[in-house]
Amino acid sequence: MSDDDYCLIDDAARPPKADGPPYAECVLCREPTEYPESYKGVTLCPVCEWQEAQRTACSG
């Protein structure tokens, strides 16, 4: 395994940014996100997205 095999972040899994309201609700706190309401999938607000990234970040 090379160093490139560790800590990969799949940007393709992120929903597209919305141009304006209506915004999708965060699945954790129900605050508005930056993503369109029409997106079908998991959406997180900027705060929860940052906290989730901290939880899943590599520690080594």
C-alpha atoms as a PDB file:
ATOM      1  CA  MET A   1       0.000   0.000   0.000  1.00  0.00           C
ATOM      2  CA  SER A   2       1.211   3.474  -0.767  1.00  0.00           C
ATOM      3  CA  ASP A   3       0.695   6.674   1.221  1.00  0.00           C
ATOM      4  CA  ASP A   4      -2.049   7.587  -1.254  1.00  0.00           C
ATOM      5  CA  ASP A   5      -4.222   4.732   0.070  1.00  0.00           C
ATOM      6  CA  TYR A   6      -4.766   6.411   3.440  1.00  0.00           C
ATOM      7  CA  CYS A   7      -7.198   9.150   4.415  1.00  0.00           C
ATOM      8  CA  LEU A   8      -8.904   9.503   1.084  1.00  0.00           C
ATOM      9  CA  ILE A   9     -11.805  11.930   0.945  1.00  0.00           C
ATOM     10  CA  ASP A  10     -14.371  11.275  -1.733  1.00  0.00           C
ATOM     11  CA  ASP A  11     -15.471  14.716  -2.935  1.00  0.00           C
ATOM     12  CA  ALA A  12     -17.776  13.026  -5.449  1.00  0.00           C
ATOM     13  CA  ALA A  13     -20.064  12.012  -2.566  1.00  0.00           C
ATOM     14  CA  ARG A  14     -20.746  15.642  -1.656  1.00  0.00           C
ATOM     15  CA  PRO A  15     -23.964  17.178  -2.976  1.00  0.00           C
ATOM     16  CA  PRO A  16     -23.785  20.204  -5.268  1.00  0.00           C
ATOM     17  CA  LYS A  17     -23.959  23.665  -3.649  1.00  0.00           C
ATOM     18  CA  ALA A  18     -27.324  25.410  -3.990  1.00  0.00           C
ATOM     19  CA  ASP A  19     -27.638  28.699  -5.868  1.00  0.00           C
ATOM     20  CA  GLY A  20     -30.241  29.911  -3.373  1.00  0.00           C
ATOM     21  CA  PRO A  21     -33.192  28.853  -1.216  1.00  0.00           C
ATOM     22  CA  PRO A  22     -34.815  26.492  -0.514  1.00  0.00           C
ATOM     23  CA  TYR A  23     -31.983  24.701   1.264  1.00  0.00           C
ATOM     24  CA  ALA A  24     -31.937  21.110   2.522  1.00  0.00           C
ATOM     25  CA  GLU A  25     -32.003  20.559   6.294  1.00  0.00           C
ATOM     26  CA  CYS A  26     -28.996  19.129   8.117  1.00  0.00           C
ATOM     27  CA  VAL A  27     -29.690  15.484   8.988  1.00  0.00           C
ATOM     28  CA  LEU A  28     -28.153  15.971  12.438  1.00  0.00           C
ATOM     29  CA  CYS A  29     -29.345  19.361  13.733  1.00  0.00           C
ATOM     30  CA  ARG A  30     -32.037  20.402  11.187  1.00  0.00           C
ATOM     31  CA  GLU A  31     -30.307  23.733  10.437  1.00  0.00           C
ATOM     32  CA  PRO A  32     -30.230  24.890   6.795  1.00  0.00           C
ATOM     33  CA  THR A  33     -27.341  23.552   4.737  1.00  0.00           C
ATOM     34  CA  GLU A  34     -25.568  24.940   1.670  1.00  0.00           C
ATOM     35  CA  TYR A  35     -27.198  22.265  -0.479  1.00  0.00           C
ATOM     36  CA  PRO A  36     -30.415  22.348  -2.530  1.00  0.00           C
ATOM     37  CA  GLU A  37     -33.588  20.978  -0.956  1.00  0.00           C
ATOM     38  CA  SER A  38     -34.043  18.783  -4.024  1.00  0.00           C
ATOM     39  CA  TYR A  39     -30.856  16.789  -3.242  1.00  0.00           C
ATOM     40  CA  LYS A  40     -31.705  13.211  -2.266  1.00  0.00           C
ATOM     41  CA  GLY A  41     -29.118  12.059   0.214  1.00  0.00           C
ATOM     42  CA  VAL A  42     -27.321  12.933   3.436  1.00  0.00           C
ATOM     43  CA  THR A  43     -26.769  16.668   3.877  1.00  0.00           C
ATOM     44  CA  LEU A  44     -24.918  18.375   6.733  1.00  0.00           C
ATOM     45  CA  CYS A  45     -24.769  22.040   7.709  1.00  0.00           C
ATOM     46  CA  PRO A  46     -21.287  23.628   7.743  1.00  0.00           C
ATOM     47  CA  VAL A  47     -20.926  23.141  11.530  1.00  0.00           C
ATOM     48  CA  CYS A  48     -21.916  19.467  11.534  1.00  0.00           C
ATOM     49  CA  GLU A  49     -19.877  18.867   8.378  1.00  0.00           C
ATOM     50  CA  TRP A  50     -16.793  20.299  10.106  1.00  0.00           C
ATOM     51  CA  GLN A  51     -17.440  18.268  13.277  1.00  0.00           C
ATOM     52  CA  GLU A  52     -17.884  15.079  11.246  1.00  0.00           C
ATOM     53  CA  ALA A  53     -14.618  15.777   9.421  1.00  0.00           C
ATOM     54  CA  GLN A  54     -12.867  16.179  12.783  1.00  0.00           C
ATOM     55  CA  ARG A  55     -14.263  12.850  13.987  1.00  0.00           C
ATOM     56  CA  THR A  56     -13.194  10.970  10.879  1.00  0.00           C
ATOM     57  CA  ALA A  57      -9.835  12.691  10.303  1.00  0.00           C
ATOM     58  CA  CYS A  58      -6.676  10.628  10.365  1.00  0.00           C
ATOM     59  CA  SER A  59      -4.929  10.741  13.703  1.00  0.00           C
ATOM     60  CA  GLY A  60      -1.507   9.657  12.536  1.00  0.00           C
END
